Amino acid sequence: MKIKSNDKVKVIKGKDRNKEGKVIQVFTTAGKVVVEGLNIMKKNLRTRKAGEKGQIIELSAPLRVENVAFICPKCNRPTRLGYKLDGKDKKRVCVKCKEFVD
């Protein structure tokens, strides 16, 4: 998977289309990413003790990787990523501006 945590991404499909955010968590085996502040879902929490109130909390649910596009920090456009060898290191490269990302 070419998208890593702390990358800036843009949602290209779904209810949060055209919104941008930072990747918080990556699930490589499931092929999903969690983007901060996007794909918000509400979850009801039950009371644990007598006399307490239940709560409704908001969570950022995972999105499929196919539905987000990486935003290049150099050219500020949504793009795909490739790999190039830089000496002995394999680094990610922006397809549009041909610059190294990390």
N, C-alpha and C. Protein backbone atom coordinates (compact mmCIF):
# COMPACT_ATOMS: atom_id res chain seq x y z
N MET A 1 0.84 -1.17 0.00
CA MET A 1 0.00 0.00 0.00
C MET A 1 0.89 1.24 0.00
N LYS A 2 0.58 2.20 -0.87
CA LYS A 2 1.45 3.36 -1.03
C LYS A 2 1.09 4.52 -0.12
N ILE A 3 -0.12 4.51 0.44
CA ILE A 3 -0.52 5.57 1.35
C ILE A 3 -0.13 5.18 2.77
N LYS A 4 0.50 6.12 3.49
CA LYS A 4 0.96 5.87 4.86
C LYS A 4 0.27 6.84 5.80
N SER A 5 0.44 6.62 7.10
CA SER A 5 -0.15 7.53 8.07
C SER A 5 0.55 8.89 7.99
N ASN A 6 -0.17 9.94 8.35
CA ASN A 6 0.25 11.35 8.27
C ASN A 6 0.32 11.89 6.85
N ASP A 7 -0.15 11.15 5.86
CA ASP A 7 -0.26 11.66 4.49
C ASP A 7 -1.53 12.48 4.37
N LYS A 8 -1.50 13.49 3.52
CA LYS A 8 -2.70 14.28 3.24
C LYS A 8 -3.38 13.66 2.02
N VAL A 9 -4.68 13.37 2.16
CA VAL A 9 -5.42 12.72 1.08
C VAL A 9 -6.71 13.47 0.79
N LYS A 10 -7.26 13.22 -0.39
CA LYS A 10 -8.54 13.79 -0.82
C LYS A 10 -9.47 12.64 -1.14
N VAL A 11 -10.71 12.71 -0.64
CA VAL A 11 -11.70 11.66 -0.91
C VAL A 11 -12.26 11.90 -2.31
N ILE A 12 -12.24 10.87 -3.16
CA ILE A 12 -12.71 11.01 -4.54
C ILE A 12 -14.02 10.29 -4.80
N LYS A 13 -14.52 9.58 -3.79
CA LYS A 13 -15.75 8.82 -3.98
C LYS A 13 -16.46 8.67 -2.64
N GLY A 14 -17.77 8.78 -2.62
CA GLY A 14 -18.54 8.57 -1.41
C GLY A 14 -19.20 9.84 -0.90
N LYS A 15 -19.74 9.77 0.31
CA LYS A 15 -20.50 10.90 0.85
C LYS A 15 -19.63 12.10 1.20
N ASP A 16 -18.34 11.90 1.45
CA ASP A 16 -17.42 12.99 1.77
C ASP A 16 -16.54 13.37 0.59
N ARG A 17 -17.08 13.25 -0.62
CA ARG A 17 -16.32 13.52 -1.84
C ARG A 17 -15.80 14.96 -1.84
N ASN A 18 -14.57 15.13 -2.34
CA ASN A 18 -13.85 16.40 -2.48
C ASN A 18 -13.39 16.99 -1.15
N LYS A 19 -13.50 16.27 -0.06
CA LYS A 19 -12.98 16.75 1.22
C LYS A 19 -11.57 16.21 1.43
N GLU A 20 -10.76 16.98 2.16
CA GLU A 20 -9.37 16.60 2.39
C GLU A 20 -9.14 16.38 3.88
N GLY A 21 -8.17 15.54 4.19
CA GLY A 21 -7.81 15.29 5.58
C GLY A 21 -6.51 14.52 5.68
N LYS A 22 -6.09 14.31 6.93
CA LYS A 22 -4.84 13.61 7.21
C LYS A 22 -5.15 12.18 7.61
N VAL A 23 -4.35 11.23 7.12
CA VAL A 23 -4.53 9.82 7.44
C VAL A 23 -4.05 9.57 8.87
N ILE A 24 -4.95 9.00 9.69
CA ILE A 24 -4.61 8.70 11.08
C ILE A 24 -4.08 7.29 11.21
N GLN A 25 -4.76 6.35 10.54
CA GLN A 25 -4.46 4.93 10.73
C GLN A 25 -4.59 4.22 9.38
N VAL A 26 -3.76 3.20 9.17
CA VAL A 26 -3.78 2.42 7.93
C VAL A 26 -3.95 0.95 8.27
N PHE A 27 -4.92 0.30 7.61
CA PHE A 27 -5.12 -1.14 7.75
C PHE A 27 -4.70 -1.78 6.43
N THR A 28 -3.47 -2.31 6.37
CA THR A 28 -2.93 -2.80 5.11
C THR A 28 -3.61 -4.08 4.65
N THR A 29 -3.93 -4.99 5.57
CA THR A 29 -4.54 -6.25 5.15
C THR A 29 -5.97 -6.05 4.66
N ALA A 30 -6.69 -5.11 5.26
CA ALA A 30 -8.06 -4.83 4.85
C ALA A 30 -8.12 -3.85 3.68
N GLY A 31 -7.03 -3.13 3.42
CA GLY A 31 -6.99 -2.16 2.34
C GLY A 31 -7.81 -0.92 2.67
N LYS A 32 -7.75 -0.46 3.92
CA LYS A 32 -8.54 0.68 4.35
C LYS A 32 -7.67 1.69 5.10
N VAL A 33 -8.13 2.95 5.10
CA VAL A 33 -7.46 4.02 5.84
C VAL A 33 -8.50 4.80 6.63
N VAL A 34 -8.08 5.35 7.76
CA VAL A 34 -8.94 6.22 8.57
C VAL A 34 -8.43 7.64 8.37
N VAL A 35 -9.34 8.53 7.91
CA VAL A 35 -8.98 9.92 7.65
C VAL A 35 -9.60 10.79 8.74
N GLU A 36 -8.80 11.69 9.27
CA GLU A 36 -9.22 12.52 10.40
C GLU A 36 -10.38 13.43 10.00
N GLY A 37 -11.50 13.31 10.72
CA GLY A 37 -12.65 14.19 10.52
C GLY A 37 -13.55 13.83 9.35
N LEU A 38 -13.30 12.72 8.69
CA LEU A 38 -14.13 12.32 7.55
C LEU A 38 -14.76 10.96 7.81
N ASN A 39 -15.86 10.69 7.13
CA ASN A 39 -16.63 9.45 7.25
C ASN A 39 -17.05 9.22 8.71
N ILE A 40 -17.66 10.25 9.26
CA ILE A 40 -18.05 10.25 10.67
C ILE A 40 -19.25 9.33 10.88
N MET A 41 -19.14 8.48 11.89
CA MET A 41 -20.24 7.60 12.28
C MET A 41 -20.50 7.81 13.77
N LYS A 42 -21.76 7.65 14.17
CA LYS A 42 -22.12 7.80 15.57
C LYS A 42 -22.30 6.43 16.20
N LYS A 43 -21.84 6.32 17.43
CA LYS A 43 -21.92 5.06 18.15
C LYS A 43 -22.55 5.33 19.52
N ASN A 44 -23.51 4.50 19.90
CA ASN A 44 -24.17 4.64 21.20
C ASN A 44 -23.43 3.81 22.23
N LEU A 45 -23.08 4.44 23.35
CA LEU A 45 -22.44 3.74 24.45
C LEU A 45 -23.46 3.54 25.57
N ARG A 46 -23.55 2.33 26.07
CA ARG A 46 -24.47 2.02 27.16
C ARG A 46 -23.89 2.49 28.48
N THR A 47 -24.75 2.58 29.46
CA THR A 47 -24.28 2.95 30.80
C THR A 47 -23.54 1.78 31.44
N ARG A 48 -22.58 2.10 32.28
CA ARG A 48 -21.84 1.04 32.97
C ARG A 48 -22.33 0.88 34.41
N LYS A 49 -22.70 1.98 35.01
CA LYS A 49 -23.18 1.94 36.39
C LYS A 49 -24.61 2.47 36.43
N ALA A 50 -25.31 2.13 37.48
CA ALA A 50 -26.66 2.65 37.67
C ALA A 50 -26.58 4.15 37.95
N GLY A 51 -27.46 4.92 37.35
CA GLY A 51 -27.47 6.36 37.56
C GLY A 51 -26.67 7.14 36.53
N GLU A 52 -25.83 6.48 35.74
CA GLU A 52 -25.06 7.16 34.70
C GLU A 52 -25.93 7.32 33.45
N LYS A 53 -25.51 8.25 32.60
CA LYS A 53 -26.21 8.45 31.33
C LYS A 53 -25.41 7.76 30.22
N GLY A 54 -26.14 7.31 29.22
CA GLY A 54 -25.47 6.78 28.03
C GLY A 54 -24.91 7.93 27.20
N GLN A 55 -24.03 7.62 26.29
CA GLN A 55 -23.41 8.66 25.46
C GLN A 55 -23.50 8.29 24.00
N ILE A 56 -23.45 9.32 23.17
CA ILE A 56 -23.32 9.12 21.73
C ILE A 56 -21.98 9.73 21.34
N ILE A 57 -21.08 8.89 20.84
CA ILE A 57 -19.76 9.38 20.43
C ILE A 57 -19.64 9.32 18.92
N GLU A 58 -18.81 10.20 18.37
CA GLU A 58 -18.59 10.23 16.92
C GLU A 58 -17.22 9.65 16.62
N LEU A 59 -17.16 8.75 15.65
CA LEU A 59 -15.92 8.09 15.25
C LEU A 59 -15.66 8.31 13.77
N SER A 60 -14.40 8.35 13.39
CA SER A 60 -14.03 8.36 11.98
C SER A 60 -13.90 6.91 11.54
N ALA A 61 -14.78 6.47 10.65
CA ALA A 61 -14.78 5.09 10.18
C ALA A 61 -13.77 4.92 9.03
N PRO A 62 -13.28 3.71 8.81
CA PRO A 62 -12.32 3.49 7.73
C PRO A 62 -12.93 3.67 6.34
N LEU A 63 -12.11 4.15 5.40
CA LEU A 63 -12.47 4.28 3.99
C LEU A 63 -11.60 3.32 3.19
N ARG A 64 -12.12 2.85 2.06
CA ARG A 64 -11.29 2.01 1.20
C ARG A 64 -10.22 2.86 0.53
N VAL A 65 -9.06 2.28 0.32
CA VAL A 65 -7.93 3.01 -0.25
C VAL A 65 -8.22 3.48 -1.67
N GLU A 66 -9.05 2.74 -2.39
CA GLU A 66 -9.39 3.11 -3.77
C GLU A 66 -10.18 4.42 -3.82
N ASN A 67 -10.79 4.80 -2.70
CA ASN A 67 -11.65 5.98 -2.69
C ASN A 67 -10.95 7.24 -2.22
N VAL A 68 -9.64 7.18 -2.00
CA VAL A 68 -8.87 8.37 -1.62
C VAL A 68 -7.70 8.55 -2.58
N ALA A 69 -7.31 9.82 -2.78
CA ALA A 69 -6.17 10.14 -3.63
C ALA A 69 -5.15 10.92 -2.81
N PHE A 70 -3.89 10.56 -2.95
CA PHE A 70 -2.78 11.22 -2.25
C PHE A 70 -2.62 12.62 -2.79
N ILE A 71 -2.38 13.60 -1.91
CA ILE A 71 -2.10 14.98 -2.33
C ILE A 71 -0.61 15.23 -2.18
N CYS A 72 0.02 15.54 -3.30
CA CYS A 72 1.47 15.78 -3.31
C CYS A 72 1.80 17.07 -2.57
N PRO A 73 2.75 17.04 -1.63
CA PRO A 73 3.11 18.27 -0.90
C PRO A 73 3.83 19.29 -1.77
N LYS A 74 4.44 18.86 -2.87
CA LYS A 74 5.19 19.77 -3.74
C LYS A 74 4.26 20.52 -4.71
N CYS A 75 3.37 19.77 -5.41
CA CYS A 75 2.52 20.39 -6.43
C CYS A 75 1.08 20.62 -5.96
N ASN A 76 0.72 20.16 -4.76
CA ASN A 76 -0.60 20.36 -4.15
C ASN A 76 -1.75 19.87 -5.04
N ARG A 77 -1.54 18.77 -5.75
CA ARG A 77 -2.60 18.19 -6.57
C ARG A 77 -2.80 16.73 -6.18
N PRO A 78 -4.04 16.23 -6.30
CA PRO A 78 -4.27 14.80 -6.07
C PRO A 78 -3.57 14.00 -7.16
N THR A 79 -2.85 12.97 -6.76
CA THR A 79 -2.05 12.22 -7.73
C THR A 79 -1.89 10.78 -7.28
N ARG A 80 -1.36 9.98 -8.16
CA ARG A 80 -0.98 8.63 -7.80
C ARG A 80 0.49 8.63 -7.42
N LEU A 81 0.91 7.54 -6.81
CA LEU A 81 2.30 7.43 -6.38
C LEU A 81 2.98 6.29 -7.10
N GLY A 82 4.26 6.46 -7.35
CA GLY A 82 5.08 5.40 -7.91
C GLY A 82 6.29 5.21 -7.01
N TYR A 83 7.15 4.28 -7.41
CA TYR A 83 8.37 4.03 -6.65
C TYR A 83 9.57 4.21 -7.57
N LYS A 84 10.65 4.76 -7.02
CA LYS A 84 11.93 4.87 -7.72
C LYS A 84 13.03 4.56 -6.74
N LEU A 85 14.14 4.05 -7.26
CA LEU A 85 15.29 3.78 -6.42
C LEU A 85 16.15 5.03 -6.34
N ASP A 86 16.49 5.41 -5.10
CA ASP A 86 17.37 6.54 -4.84
C ASP A 86 18.59 5.98 -4.14
N GLY A 87 19.58 5.60 -4.91
CA GLY A 87 20.72 4.89 -4.35
C GLY A 87 20.29 3.47 -4.04
N LYS A 88 20.29 3.09 -2.77
CA LYS A 88 19.83 1.76 -2.38
C LYS A 88 18.43 1.82 -1.77
N ASP A 89 17.87 3.04 -1.63
CA ASP A 89 16.56 3.20 -1.01
C ASP A 89 15.46 3.24 -2.06
N LYS A 90 14.33 2.63 -1.72
CA LYS A 90 13.14 2.66 -2.56
C LYS A 90 12.23 3.75 -2.01
N LYS A 91 11.99 4.82 -2.79
CA LYS A 91 11.22 5.95 -2.31
C LYS A 91 9.97 6.16 -3.15
N ARG A 92 8.97 6.80 -2.53
CA ARG A 92 7.74 7.12 -3.23
C ARG A 92 7.93 8.37 -4.08
N VAL A 93 7.31 8.38 -5.28
CA VAL A 93 7.47 9.47 -6.22
C VAL A 93 6.10 9.92 -6.72
N CYS A 94 5.88 11.23 -6.79
CA CYS A 94 4.66 11.79 -7.37
C CYS A 94 4.69 11.56 -8.88
N VAL A 95 3.59 11.03 -9.43
CA VAL A 95 3.55 10.73 -10.85
C VAL A 95 3.48 12.00 -11.69
N LYS A 96 2.83 13.06 -11.17
CA LYS A 96 2.63 14.30 -11.95
C LYS A 96 3.87 15.19 -11.99
N CYS A 97 4.50 15.43 -10.82
CA CYS A 97 5.65 16.36 -10.80
C CYS A 97 6.99 15.66 -10.74
N LYS A 98 7.01 14.32 -10.62
CA LYS A 98 8.23 13.51 -10.62
C LYS A 98 9.17 13.83 -9.46
N GLU A 99 8.65 14.33 -8.34
CA GLU A 99 9.45 14.65 -7.16
C GLU A 99 9.31 13.55 -6.11
N PHE A 100 10.36 13.37 -5.32
CA PHE A 100 10.30 12.39 -4.22
C PHE A 100 9.40 12.93 -3.12
N VAL A 101 8.56 12.04 -2.57
CA VAL A 101 7.62 12.45 -1.52
C VAL A 101 8.27 12.39 -0.16
N ASP A 102 8.98 11.27 0.18
CA ASP A 102 9.63 11.21 1.48
C ASP A 102 11.12 11.34 1.35
